PDB file of all heavy atoms in Angstrom:
ATOM      1  N   TRP A   1       0.829  -1.219  -0.001  1.00  0.00           N
ATOM      2  CA  TRP A   1       0.028   0.010  -0.007  1.00  0.00           C
ATOM      3  C   TRP A   1       0.865   1.258   0.001  1.00  0.00           C
ATOM      4  O   TRP A   1       0.493   2.263  -0.572  1.00  0.00           O
ATOM      5  CB  TRP A   1      -0.943  -0.005   1.196  1.00  0.00           C
ATOM      6  CG  TRP A   1      -1.988  -1.062   1.090  1.00  0.00           C
ATOM      7  CD1 TRP A   1      -2.107  -2.188   1.853  1.00  0.00           C
ATOM      8  CD2 TRP A   1      -3.064  -1.112   0.142  1.00  0.00           C
ATOM      9  NE1 TRP A   1      -3.188  -2.923   1.434  1.00  0.00           N
ATOM     10  CE2 TRP A   1      -3.809  -2.293   0.385  1.00  0.00           C
ATOM     11  CE3 TRP A   1      -3.473  -0.286  -0.860  1.00  0.00           C
ATOM     12  CZ2 TRP A   1      -4.905  -2.677  -0.348  1.00  0.00           C
ATOM     13  CZ3 TRP A   1      -4.587  -0.634  -1.635  1.00  0.00           C
ATOM     14  CH2 TRP A   1      -5.285  -1.807  -1.353  1.00  0.00           C
ATOM     15  N   GLU A   2       2.000   1.188   0.614  1.00  0.00           N
ATOM     16  CA  GLU A   2       2.927   2.343   0.598  1.00  0.00           C
ATOM     17  C   GLU A   2       3.414   2.616  -0.809  1.00  0.00           C
ATOM     18  O   GLU A   2       3.504   3.765  -1.259  1.00  0.00           O
ATOM     19  CB  GLU A   2       4.109   2.110   1.529  1.00  0.00           C
ATOM     20  CG  GLU A   2       3.755   2.093   3.011  1.00  0.00           C
ATOM     21  CD  GLU A   2       4.973   1.804   3.880  1.00  0.00           C
ATOM     22  OE1 GLU A   2       6.053   1.611   3.305  1.00  0.00           O
ATOM     23  OE2 GLU A   2       4.815   1.799   5.115  1.00  0.00           O
ATOM     24  N   LEU A   3       3.713   1.548  -1.543  1.00  0.00           N
ATOM     25  CA  LEU A   3       4.142   1.692  -2.923  1.00  0.00           C
ATOM     26  C   LEU A   3       3.032   2.323  -3.776  1.00  0.00           C
ATOM     27  O   LEU A   3       3.272   3.244  -4.533  1.00  0.00           O
ATOM     28  CB  LEU A   3       4.542   0.339  -3.503  1.00  0.00           C
ATOM     29  CG  LEU A   3       4.851   0.341  -5.010  1.00  0.00           C
ATOM     30  CD1 LEU A   3       6.082   1.193  -5.310  1.00  0.00           C
ATOM     31  CD2 LEU A   3       5.073  -1.088  -5.521  1.00  0.00           C
ATOM     32  N   ILE A   4       1.819   1.820  -3.604  1.00  0.00           N
ATOM     33  CA  ILE A   4       0.676   2.372  -4.383  1.00  0.00           C
ATOM     34  C   ILE A   4       0.478   3.834  -4.038  1.00  0.00           C
ATOM     35  O   ILE A   4       0.195   4.663  -4.901  1.00  0.00           O
ATOM     36  CB  ILE A   4      -0.575   1.526  -4.097  1.00  0.00           C
ATOM     37  CG1 ILE A   4      -0.438   0.147  -4.701  1.00  0.00           C
ATOM     38  CG2 ILE A   4      -1.825   2.217  -4.656  1.00  0.00           C
ATOM     39  CD1 ILE A   4      -1.578  -0.814  -4.377  1.00  0.00           C
ATOM     40  N   ALA A   5       0.578   4.178  -2.771  1.00  0.00           N
ATOM     41  CA  ALA A   5       0.435   5.579  -2.360  1.00  0.00           C
ATOM     42  C   ALA A   5       1.465   6.473  -2.993  1.00  0.00           C
ATOM     43  O   ALA A   5       1.144   7.587  -3.441  1.00  0.00           O
ATOM     44  CB  ALA A   5       0.507   5.662  -0.833  1.00  0.00           C
ATOM     45  N   LYS A   6       2.723   5.978  -3.096  1.00  0.00           N
ATOM     46  CA  LYS A   6       3.777   6.775  -3.708  1.00  0.00           C
ATOM     47  C   LYS A   6       3.509   6.962  -5.200  1.00  0.00           C
ATOM     48  O   LYS A   6       3.725   8.060  -5.741  1.00  0.00           O
ATOM     49  CB  LYS A   6       5.150   6.095  -3.488  1.00  0.00           C
ATOM     50  CG  LYS A   6       5.648   6.139  -2.066  1.00  0.00           C
ATOM     51  CD  LYS A   6       6.992   5.447  -1.961  1.00  0.00           C
ATOM     52  CE  LYS A   6       7.508   5.476  -0.529  1.00  0.00           C
ATOM     53  NZ  LYS A   6       8.824   4.789  -0.412  1.00  0.00           N
ATOM     54  N   ILE A   7       3.027   5.905  -5.836  1.00  0.00           N
ATOM     55  CA  ILE A   7       2.741   6.009  -7.268  1.00  0.00           C
ATOM     56  C   ILE A   7       1.658   7.052  -7.504  1.00  0.00           C
ATOM     57  O   ILE A   7       1.755   7.903  -8.405  1.00  0.00           O
ATOM     58  CB  ILE A   7       2.316   4.630  -7.833  1.00  0.00           C
ATOM     59  CG1 ILE A   7       3.498   3.648  -7.785  1.00  0.00           C
ATOM     60  CG2 ILE A   7       1.788   4.767  -9.268  1.00  0.00           C
ATOM     61  CD1 ILE A   7       3.151   2.241  -8.178  1.00  0.00           C
ATOM     62  N   ARG A   8       0.613   7.017  -6.705  1.00  0.00           N
ATOM     63  CA  ARG A   8      -0.469   7.988  -6.866  1.00  0.00           C
ATOM     64  C   ARG A   8      -0.032   9.387  -6.520  1.00  0.00           C
ATOM     65  O   ARG A   8      -0.449  10.356  -7.147  1.00  0.00           O
ATOM     66  CB  ARG A   8      -1.651   7.550  -5.999  1.00  0.00           C
ATOM     67  CG  ARG A   8      -2.392   6.335  -6.533  1.00  0.00           C
ATOM     68  CD  ARG A   8      -3.532   5.893  -5.658  1.00  0.00           C
ATOM     69  NE  ARG A   8      -4.380   4.910  -6.312  1.00  0.00           N
ATOM     70  CZ  ARG A   8      -5.330   4.208  -5.677  1.00  0.00           C
ATOM     71  NH1 ARG A   8      -5.530   4.388  -4.381  1.00  0.00           N
ATOM     72  NH2 ARG A   8      -6.035   3.330  -6.324  1.00  0.00           N
ATOM     73  N   ALA A   9       0.808   9.518  -5.498  1.00  0.00           N
ATOM     74  CA  ALA A   9       1.284  10.829  -5.086  1.00  0.00           C
ATOM     75  C   ALA A   9       2.116  11.485  -6.200  1.00  0.00           C
ATOM     76  O   ALA A   9       2.151  12.695  -6.315  1.00  0.00           O
ATOM     77  CB  ALA A   9       2.118  10.729  -3.801  1.00  0.00           C
ATOM     78  N   ASN A  10       2.774  10.637  -7.012  1.00  0.00           N
ATOM     79  CA  ASN A  10       3.586  11.152  -8.098  1.00  0.00           C
ATOM     80  C   ASN A  10       2.780  11.371  -9.379  1.00  0.00           C
ATOM     81  O   ASN A  10       3.346  11.769 -10.405  1.00  0.00           O
ATOM     82  CB  ASN A  10       4.756  10.195  -8.413  1.00  0.00           C
ATOM     83  CG  ASN A  10       5.776  10.191  -7.321  1.00  0.00           C
ATOM     84  OD1 ASN A  10       5.990  11.195  -6.618  1.00  0.00           O
ATOM     85  ND2 ASN A  10       6.436   9.059  -7.099  1.00  0.00           N
ATOM     86  N   GLY A  11       1.463  11.142  -9.284  1.00  0.00           N
ATOM     87  CA  GLY A  11       0.609  11.391 -10.443  1.00  0.00           C
ATOM     88  C   GLY A  11       0.729  10.350 -11.529  1.00  0.00           C
ATOM     89  O   GLY A  11       0.314  10.593 -12.659  1.00  0.00           O
ATOM     90  N   ALA A  12       1.323   9.199 -11.212  1.00  0.00           N
ATOM     91  CA  ALA A  12       1.471   8.119 -12.205  1.00  0.00           C
ATOM     92  C   ALA A  12       0.284   7.169 -12.151  1.00  0.00           C
ATOM     93  O   ALA A  12      -0.414   7.071 -11.148  1.00  0.00           O
ATOM     94  CB  ALA A  12       2.773   7.372 -11.979  1.00  0.00           C
ATOM     95  N   LYS A  13       0.103   6.412 -13.218  1.00  0.00           N
ATOM     96  CA  LYS A  13      -0.962   5.440 -13.281  1.00  0.00           C
ATOM     97  C   LYS A  13      -0.478   4.112 -12.663  1.00  0.00           C
ATOM     98  O   LYS A  13       0.648   3.742 -12.770  1.00  0.00           O
ATOM     99  CB  LYS A  13      -1.393   5.197 -14.717  1.00  0.00           C
ATOM    100  CG  LYS A  13      -2.060   6.409 -15.364  1.00  0.00           C
ATOM    101  CD  LYS A  13      -2.530   6.094 -16.769  1.00  0.00           C
ATOM    102  CE  LYS A  13      -3.226   7.275 -17.403  1.00  0.00           C
ATOM    103  NZ  LYS A  13      -3.668   6.961 -18.795  1.00  0.00           N
ATOM    104  N   LEU A  14      -1.424   3.442 -12.005  1.00  0.00           N
ATOM    105  CA  LEU A  14      -1.091   2.144 -11.433  1.00  0.00           C
ATOM    106  C   LEU A  14      -1.060   1.080 -12.495  1.00  0.00           C
ATOM    107  O   LEU A  14      -1.883   1.044 -13.402  1.00  0.00           O
ATOM    108  CB  LEU A  14      -2.134   1.767 -10.385  1.00  0.00           C
ATOM    109  CG  LEU A  14      -2.095   2.470  -9.050  1.00  0.00           C
ATOM    110  CD1 LEU A  14      -3.250   1.995  -8.155  1.00  0.00           C
ATOM    111  CD2 LEU A  14      -0.773   2.224  -8.335  1.00  0.00           C
ATOM    112  N   SER A  15      -0.075   0.197 -12.386  1.00  0.00           N
ATOM    113  CA  SER A  15      -0.026  -0.941 -13.283  1.00  0.00           C
ATOM    114  C   SER A  15      -1.226  -1.872 -12.978  1.00  0.00           C
ATOM    115  O   SER A  15      -1.510  -2.115 -11.809  1.00  0.00           O
ATOM    116  CB  SER A  15       1.259  -1.725 -13.104  1.00  0.00           C
ATOM    117  OG  SER A  15       1.187  -2.982 -13.741  1.00  0.00           O
ATOM    118  N   PRO A  16      -1.903  -2.364 -14.004  1.00  0.00           N
ATOM    119  CA  PRO A  16      -3.001  -3.323 -13.775  1.00  0.00           C
ATOM    120  C   PRO A  16      -2.553  -4.527 -12.948  1.00  0.00           C
ATOM    121  O   PRO A  16      -3.332  -5.115 -12.237  1.00  0.00           O
ATOM    122  CB  PRO A  16      -3.441  -3.733 -15.196  1.00  0.00           C
ATOM    123  CG  PRO A  16      -3.009  -2.574 -16.048  1.00  0.00           C
ATOM    124  CD  PRO A  16      -1.737  -2.079 -15.429  1.00  0.00           C
ATOM    125  N   LEU A  17      -1.265  -4.865 -13.051  1.00  0.00           N
ATOM    126  CA  LEU A  17      -0.759  -6.019 -12.300  1.00  0.00           C
ATOM    127  C   LEU A  17      -0.926  -5.841 -10.814  1.00  0.00           C
ATOM    128  O   LEU A  17      -1.238  -6.782 -10.087  1.00  0.00           O
ATOM    129  CB  LEU A  17       0.722  -6.257 -12.654  1.00  0.00           C
ATOM    130  CG  LEU A  17       1.374  -7.518 -12.082  1.00  0.00           C
ATOM    131  CD1 LEU A  17       0.667  -8.740 -12.589  1.00  0.00           C
ATOM    132  CD2 LEU A  17       2.851  -7.545 -12.482  1.00  0.00           C
ATOM    133  N   LEU A  18      -0.757  -4.595 -10.346  1.00  0.00           N
ATOM    134  CA  LEU A  18      -0.869  -4.321  -8.888  1.00  0.00           C
ATOM    135  C   LEU A  18      -2.310  -4.402  -8.416  1.00  0.00           C
ATOM    136  O   LEU A  18      -2.560  -4.393  -7.183  1.00  0.00           O
ATOM    137  CB  LEU A  18      -0.293  -2.976  -8.562  1.00  0.00           C
ATOM    138  CG  LEU A  18       1.243  -2.860  -8.632  1.00  0.00           C
ATOM    139  CD1 LEU A  18       1.666  -1.401  -8.431  1.00  0.00           C
ATOM    140  CD2 LEU A  18       1.889  -3.757  -7.601  1.00  0.00           C
ATOM    141  N   GLN A  19      -3.258  -4.460  -9.327  1.00  0.00           N
ATOM    142  CA  GLN A  19      -4.651  -4.575  -8.939  1.00  0.00           C
ATOM    143  C   GLN A  19      -5.127  -6.012  -8.897  1.00  0.00           C
ATOM    144  O   GLN A  19      -6.263  -6.294  -8.517  1.00  0.00           O
ATOM    145  CB  GLN A  19      -5.525  -3.776  -9.924  1.00  0.00           C
ATOM    146  CG  GLN A  19      -5.113  -2.300  -9.971  1.00  0.00           C
ATOM    147  CD  GLN A  19      -5.904  -1.512 -11.020  1.00  0.00           C
ATOM    148  OE1 GLN A  19      -7.092  -1.720 -11.184  1.00  0.00           O
ATOM    149  NE2 GLN A  19      -5.208  -0.615 -11.734  1.00  0.00           N
ATOM    150  N   ALA A  20      -4.218  -6.934  -9.275  1.00  0.00           N
ATOM    151  CA  ALA A  20      -4.605  -8.369  -9.236  1.00  0.00           C
ATOM    152  C   ALA A  20      -4.525  -8.877  -7.778  1.00  0.00           C
ATOM    153  O   ALA A  20      -3.721  -8.380  -6.986  1.00  0.00           O
ATOM    154  CB  ALA A  20      -3.632  -9.169 -10.104  1.00  0.00           C
ATOM    155  N   PRO A  21      -5.393  -9.820  -7.428  1.00  0.00           N
ATOM    156  CA  PRO A  21      -5.372 -10.363  -6.063  1.00  0.00           C
ATOM    157  C   PRO A  21      -4.006 -10.939  -5.682  1.00  0.00           C
ATOM    158  O   PRO A  21      -3.375 -11.580  -6.499  1.00  0.00           O
ATOM    159  CB  PRO A  21      -6.430 -11.448  -6.126  1.00  0.00           C
ATOM    160  CG  PRO A  21      -7.317 -11.084  -7.265  1.00  0.00           C
ATOM    161  CD  PRO A  21      -6.411 -10.422  -8.262  1.00  0.00           C
ATOM    162  N   TRP A  22      -3.586 -10.654  -4.495  1.00  0.00           N
ATOM    163  CA  TRP A  22      -2.355 -11.184  -3.891  1.00  0.00           C
ATOM    164  C   TRP A  22      -1.053 -10.632  -4.474  1.00  0.00           C
ATOM    165  O   TRP A  22       0.017 -11.049  -4.066  1.00  0.00           O
ATOM    166  CB  TRP A  22      -2.340 -12.699  -3.960  1.00  0.00           C
ATOM    167  CG  TRP A  22      -3.584 -13.331  -3.438  1.00  0.00           C
ATOM    168  CD1 TRP A  22      -4.537 -13.977  -4.176  1.00  0.00           C
ATOM    169  CD2 TRP A  22      -4.052 -13.358  -2.102  1.00  0.00           C
ATOM    170  NE1 TRP A  22      -5.576 -14.417  -3.378  1.00  0.00           N
ATOM    171  CE2 TRP A  22      -5.297 -14.020  -2.071  1.00  0.00           C
ATOM    172  CE3 TRP A  22      -3.542 -12.864  -0.889  1.00  0.00           C
ATOM    173  CZ2 TRP A  22      -6.038 -14.256  -0.933  1.00  0.00           C
ATOM    174  CZ3 TRP A  22      -4.287 -13.079   0.271  1.00  0.00           C
ATOM    175  CH2 TRP A  22      -5.507 -13.747   0.245  1.00  0.00           C
ATOM    176  N   VAL A  23      -1.156  -9.705  -5.426  1.00  0.00           N
ATOM    177  CA  VAL A  23       0.065  -9.145  -6.019  1.00  0.00           C
ATOM    178  C   VAL A  23       0.530  -7.923  -5.201  1.00  0.00           C
ATOM    179  O   VAL A  23      -0.228  -6.967  -5.054  1.00  0.00           O
ATOM    180  CB  VAL A  23      -0.138  -8.735  -7.476  1.00  0.00           C
ATOM    181  CG1 VAL A  23       1.096  -8.001  -8.003  1.00  0.00           C
ATOM    182  CG2 VAL A  23      -0.427  -9.961  -8.339  1.00  0.00           C
ATOM    183  N   THR A  24       1.731  -8.009  -4.653  1.00  0.00           N
ATOM    184  CA  THR A  24       2.345  -6.904  -3.960  1.00  0.00           C
ATOM    185  C   THR A  24       3.768  -6.736  -4.489  1.00  0.00           C
ATOM    186  O   THR A  24       4.286  -7.615  -5.190  1.00  0.00           O
ATOM    187  CB  THR A  24       2.400  -7.102  -2.431  1.00  0.00           C
ATOM    188  OG1 THR A  24       3.407  -8.099  -2.135  1.00  0.00           O
ATOM    189  CG2 THR A  24       1.048  -7.553  -1.903  1.00  0.00           C
ATOM    190  N   ASN A  25       4.428  -5.670  -4.135  1.00  0.00           N
ATOM    191  CA  ASN A  25       5.802  -5.452  -4.616  1.00  0.00           C
ATOM    192  C   ASN A  25       6.758  -6.456  -4.009  1.00  0.00           C
ATOM    193  O   ASN A  25       7.887  -6.582  -4.474  1.00  0.00           O
ATOM    194  CB  ASN A  25       6.251  -4.027  -4.285  1.00  0.00           C
ATOM    195  CG  ASN A  25       6.161  -3.687  -2.804  1.00  0.00           C
ATOM    196  OD1 ASN A  25       5.142  -3.954  -2.171  1.00  0.00           O
ATOM    197  ND2 ASN A  25       7.207  -3.095  -2.263  1.00  0.00           N
ATOM    198  N   GLU A  26       6.329  -7.229  -2.979  1.00  0.00           N
ATOM    199  CA  GLU A  26       7.200  -8.200  -2.368  1.00  0.00           C
ATOM    200  C   GLU A  26       7.491  -9.406  -3.279  1.00  0.00           C
ATOM    201  O   GLU A  26       8.462 -10.158  -3.038  1.00  0.00           O
ATOM    202  CB  GLU A  26       6.635  -8.667  -1.046  1.00  0.00           C
ATOM    203  CG  GLU A  26       6.577  -7.565   0.014  1.00  0.00           C
ATOM    204  CD  GLU A  26       5.935  -8.064   1.303  1.00  0.00           C
ATOM    205  OE1 GLU A  26       5.408  -9.211   1.313  1.00  0.00           O
ATOM    206  OE2 GLU A  26       5.973  -7.322   2.296  1.00  0.00           O
ATOM    207  N   ILE A  27       6.655  -9.601  -4.296  1.00  0.00           N
ATOM    208  CA  ILE A  27       6.872 -10.769  -5.150  1.00  0.00           C
ATOM    209  C   ILE A  27       7.877 -10.485  -6.276  1.00  0.00           C
ATOM    210  O   ILE A  27       8.322 -11.395  -6.954  1.00  0.00           O
ATOM    211  CB  ILE A  27       5.535 -11.274  -5.790  1.00  0.00           C
ATOM    212  CG1 ILE A  27       5.058 -10.295  -6.848  1.00  0.00           C
ATOM    213  CG2 ILE A  27       4.476 -11.499  -4.711  1.00  0.00           C
ATOM    214  CD1 ILE A  27       3.880 -10.845  -7.651  1.00  0.00           C
ATOM    215  N   PHE A  28       8.229  -9.214  -6.482  1.00  0.00           N
ATOM    216  CA  PHE A  28       9.159  -8.877  -7.544  1.00  0.00           C
ATOM    217  C   PHE A  28      10.587  -9.089  -7.124  1.00  0.00           C
ATOM    218  O   PHE A  28      10.955  -8.869  -5.960  1.00  0.00           O
ATOM    219  CB  PHE A  28       8.930  -7.417  -7.981  1.00  0.00           C
ATOM    220  CG  PHE A  28       7.572  -7.193  -8.580  1.00  0.00           C
ATOM    221  CD1 PHE A  28       6.562  -6.583  -7.840  1.00  0.00           C
ATOM    222  CD2 PHE A  28       7.299  -7.572  -9.876  1.00  0.00           C
ATOM    223  CE1 PHE A  28       5.302  -6.371  -8.343  1.00  0.00           C
ATOM    224  CE2 PHE A  28       6.026  -7.358 -10.422  1.00  0.00           C
ATOM    225  CZ  PHE A  28       5.032  -6.765  -9.646  1.00  0.00           C
ATOM    226  N   ARG A  29      11.413  -9.494  -8.065  1.00  0.00           N
ATOM    227  CA  ARG A  29      12.823  -9.754  -7.813  1.00  0.00           C
ATOM    228  C   ARG A  29      13.690  -9.035  -8.849  1.00  0.00           C
ATOM    229  O   ARG A  29      13.279  -8.815  -9.971  1.00  0.00           O
ATOM    230  CB  ARG A  29      13.112 -11.265  -7.875  1.00  0.00           C
ATOM    231  CG  ARG A  29      12.424 -12.079  -6.794  1.00  0.00           C
ATOM    232  CD  ARG A  29      13.063 -11.793  -5.429  1.00  0.00           C
ATOM    233  NE  ARG A  29      12.455 -12.600  -4.366  1.00  0.00           N
ATOM    234  CZ  ARG A  29      11.412 -12.237  -3.632  1.00  0.00           C
ATOM    235  NH1 ARG A  29      10.839 -11.083  -3.875  1.00  0.00           N
ATOM    236  NH2 ARG A  29      10.931 -12.993  -2.678  1.00  0.00           N
ATOM    237  N   VAL A  30      14.904  -8.687  -8.423  1.00  0.00           N
ATOM    238  CA  VAL A  30      15.840  -8.113  -9.366  1.00  0.00           C
ATOM    239  C   VAL A  30      16.282  -9.194 -10.360  1.00  0.00           C
ATOM    240  O   VAL A  30      16.492 -10.349  -9.980  1.00  0.00           O
ATOM    241  CB  VAL A  30      17.088  -7.595  -8.597  1.00  0.00           C
ATOM    242  CG1 VAL A  30      18.133  -7.087  -9.585  1.00  0.00           C
ATOM    243  CG2 VAL A  30      16.684  -6.465  -7.642  1.00  0.00           C
ATOM    244  N   ASP A  31      16.381  -8.833 -11.615  1.00  0.00           N
ATOM    245  CA  ASP A  31      16.691  -9.793 -12.673  1.00  0.00           C
ATOM    246  C   ASP A  31      18.214  -9.891 -12.833  1.00  0.00           C
ATOM    247  O   ASP A  31      18.897  -8.891 -13.101  1.00  0.00           O
ATOM    248  CB  ASP A  31      16.035  -9.315 -13.970  1.00  0.00           C
ATOM    249  CG  ASP A  31      16.323 -10.227 -15.138  1.00  0.00           C
ATOM    250  OD1 ASP A  31      16.731 -11.371 -14.897  1.00  0.00           O
ATOM    251  OD2 ASP A  31      16.112  -9.820 -16.282  1.00  0.00           O
ATOM    252  N   TRP A  32      18.755 -11.102 -12.746  1.00  0.00           N
ATOM    253  CA  TRP A  32      20.206 -11.329 -12.871  1.00  0.00           C
ATOM    254  C   TRP A  32      20.686 -10.884 -14.254  1.00  0.00           C
ATOM    255  O   TRP A  32      21.782 -10.338 -14.377  1.00  0.00           O
ATOM    256  CB  TRP A  32      20.530 -12.792 -12.635  1.00  0.00           C
ATOM    257  CG  TRP A  32      21.997 -13.114 -12.688  1.00  0.00           C
ATOM    258  CD1 TRP A  32      22.737 -13.431 -13.802  1.00  0.00           C
ATOM    259  CD2 TRP A  32      22.913 -13.099 -11.598  1.00  0.00           C
ATOM    260  NE1 TRP A  32      24.055 -13.617 -13.455  1.00  0.00           N
ATOM    261  CE2 TRP A  32      24.182 -13.428 -12.117  1.00  0.00           C
ATOM    262  CE3 TRP A  32      22.786 -12.857 -10.223  1.00  0.00           C
ATOM    263  CZ2 TRP A  32      25.319 -13.513 -11.310  1.00  0.00           C
ATOM    264  CZ3 TRP A  32      23.910 -12.958  -9.420  1.00  0.00           C
ATOM    265  CH2 TRP A  32      25.165 -13.266  -9.972  1.00  0.00           C
ATOM    266  N   LEU A  33      19.902 -11.132 -15.269  1.00  0.00           N
ATOM    267  CA  LEU A  33      20.296 -10.780 -16.638  1.00  0.00           C
ATOM    268  C   LEU A  33      20.657  -9.295 -16.737  1.00  0.00           C
ATOM    269  O   LEU A  33      21.707  -8.931 -17.313  1.00  0.00           O
ATOM    270  CB  LEU A  33      19.186 -11.114 -17.615  1.00  0.00           C
ATOM    271  CG  LEU A  33      19.389 -10.629 -19.069  1.00  0.00           C
ATOM    272  CD1 LEU A  33      20.557 -11.360 -19.713  1.00  0.00           C
ATOM    273  CD2 LEU A  33      18.120 -10.836 -19.867  1.00  0.00           C
ATOM    274  N   HIS A  34      19.793  -8.429 -16.166  1.00  0.00           N
ATOM    275  CA  HIS A  34      20.032  -6.991 -16.282  1.00  0.00           C
ATOM    276  C   HIS A  34      20.978  -6.451 -15.253  1.00  0.00           C
ATOM    277  O   HIS A  34      21.735  -5.518 -15.504  1.00  0.00           O
ATOM    278  CB  HIS A  34      18.708  -6.253 -16.248  1.00  0.00           C
ATOM    279  CG  HIS A  34      17.827  -6.544 -17.423  1.00  0.00           C
ATOM    280  ND1 HIS A  34      16.907  -7.572 -17.442  1.00  0.00           N
ATOM    281  CD2 HIS A  34      17.760  -5.963 -18.642  1.00  0.00           C
ATOM    282  CE1 HIS A  34      16.299  -7.592 -18.629  1.00  0.00           C
ATOM    283  NE2 HIS A  34      16.802  -6.624 -19.378  1.00  0.00           N
ATOM    284  N   ALA A  35      20.949  -7.011 -14.035  1.00  0.00           N
ATOM    285  CA  ALA A  35      21.823  -6.532 -12.981  1.00  0.00           C
ATOM    286  C   ALA A  35      23.262  -6.991 -13.189  1.00  0.00           C
ATOM    287  O   ALA A  35      24.209  -6.234 -12.946  1.00  0.00           O
ATOM    288  CB  ALA A  35      21.324  -7.006 -11.594  1.00  0.00           C
ATOM    289  N   ALA A  36      23.423  -8.245 -13.636  1.00  0.00           N
ATOM    290  CA  ALA A  36      24.753  -8.832 -13.780  1.00  0.00           C
ATOM    291  C   ALA A  36      25.204  -8.931 -15.245  1.00  0.00           C
ATOM    292  O   ALA A  36      26.058  -8.191 -15.678  1.00  0.00           O
ATOM    293  CB  ALA A  36      24.785 -10.201 -13.095  1.00  0.00           C
ATOM    294  N   ASP A  37      24.618  -9.885 -15.975  1.00  0.00           N
ATOM    295  CA  ASP A  37      25.087 -10.163 -17.326  1.00  0.00           C
ATOM    296  C   ASP A  37      25.223  -8.896 -18.197  1.00  0.00           C
ATOM    297  O   ASP A  37      26.265  -8.683 -18.800  1.00  0.00           O
ATOM    298  CB  ASP A  37      24.139 -11.123 -18.040  1.00  0.00           C
ATOM    299  CG  ASP A  37      24.066 -12.449 -17.324  1.00  0.00           C
ATOM    300  OD1 ASP A  37      25.006 -12.824 -16.597  1.00  0.00           O
ATOM    301  OD2 ASP A  37      23.027 -13.173 -17.487  1.00  0.00           O
ATOM    302  N   GLN A  38      24.148  -8.108 -18.249  1.00  0.00           N
ATOM    303  CA  GLN A  38      24.202  -6.891 -19.074  1.00  0.00           C
ATOM    304  C   GLN A  38      24.505  -5.648 -18.236  1.00  0.00           C
ATOM    305  O   GLN A  38      24.458  -4.551 -18.742  1.00  0.00           O
ATOM    306  CB  GLN A  38      22.849  -6.698 -19.769  1.00  0.00           C
ATOM    307  CG  GLN A  38      22.550  -7.820 -20.803  1.00  0.00           C
ATOM    308  CD  GLN A  38      21.218  -7.645 -21.488  1.00  0.00           C
ATOM    309  OE1 GLN A  38      20.325  -6.984 -20.988  1.00  0.00           O
ATOM    310  NE2 GLN A  38      21.091  -8.235 -22.661  1.00  0.00           N
ATOM    311  N   GLY A  39      24.813  -5.868 -16.958  1.00  0.00           N
ATOM    312  CA  GLY A  39      25.131  -4.777 -16.051  1.00  0.00           C
ATOM    313  C   GLY A  39      26.568  -4.801 -15.590  1.00  0.00           C
ATOM    314  O   GLY A  39      27.469  -4.536 -16.352  1.00  0.00           O
ATOM    315  N   VAL A  40      26.770  -5.148 -14.326  1.00  0.00           N
ATOM    316  CA  VAL A  40      28.124  -5.064 -13.751  1.00  0.00           C
ATOM    317  C   VAL A  40      29.105  -6.016 -14.430  1.00  0.00           C
ATOM    318  O   VAL A  40      30.277  -5.683 -14.548  1.00  0.00           O
ATOM    319  CB  VAL A  40      28.103  -5.309 -12.230  1.00  0.00           C
ATOM    320  CG1 VAL A  40      27.316  -4.249 -11.503  1.00  0.00           C
ATOM    321  CG2 VAL A  40      27.545  -6.684 -11.899  1.00  0.00           C
ATOM    322  N   THR A  41      28.643  -7.181 -14.888  1.00  0.00           N
ATOM    323  CA  THR A  41      29.559  -8.127 -15.495  1.00  0.00           C
ATOM    324  C   THR A  41      30.083  -7.591 -16.826  1.00  0.00           C
ATOM    325  O   THR A  41      31.283  -7.659 -17.124  1.00  0.00           O
ATOM    326  CB  THR A  41      28.900  -9.473 -15.694  1.00  0.00           C
ATOM    327  OG1 THR A  41      28.370  -9.939 -14.456  1.00  0.00           O
ATOM    328  CG2 THR A  41      29.893 -10.518 -16.207  1.00  0.00           C
TER     329      THR A  41
END
């Protein structure tokens, strides 16, 4: 809910994904491909 509040406070639209049952920002993970392979590596 804090994430949703920040999104709304910034005037941005909510992703439809966040409106799905049981979906919170806790289920998201950093992607190794972008953080490592195409990032620091």
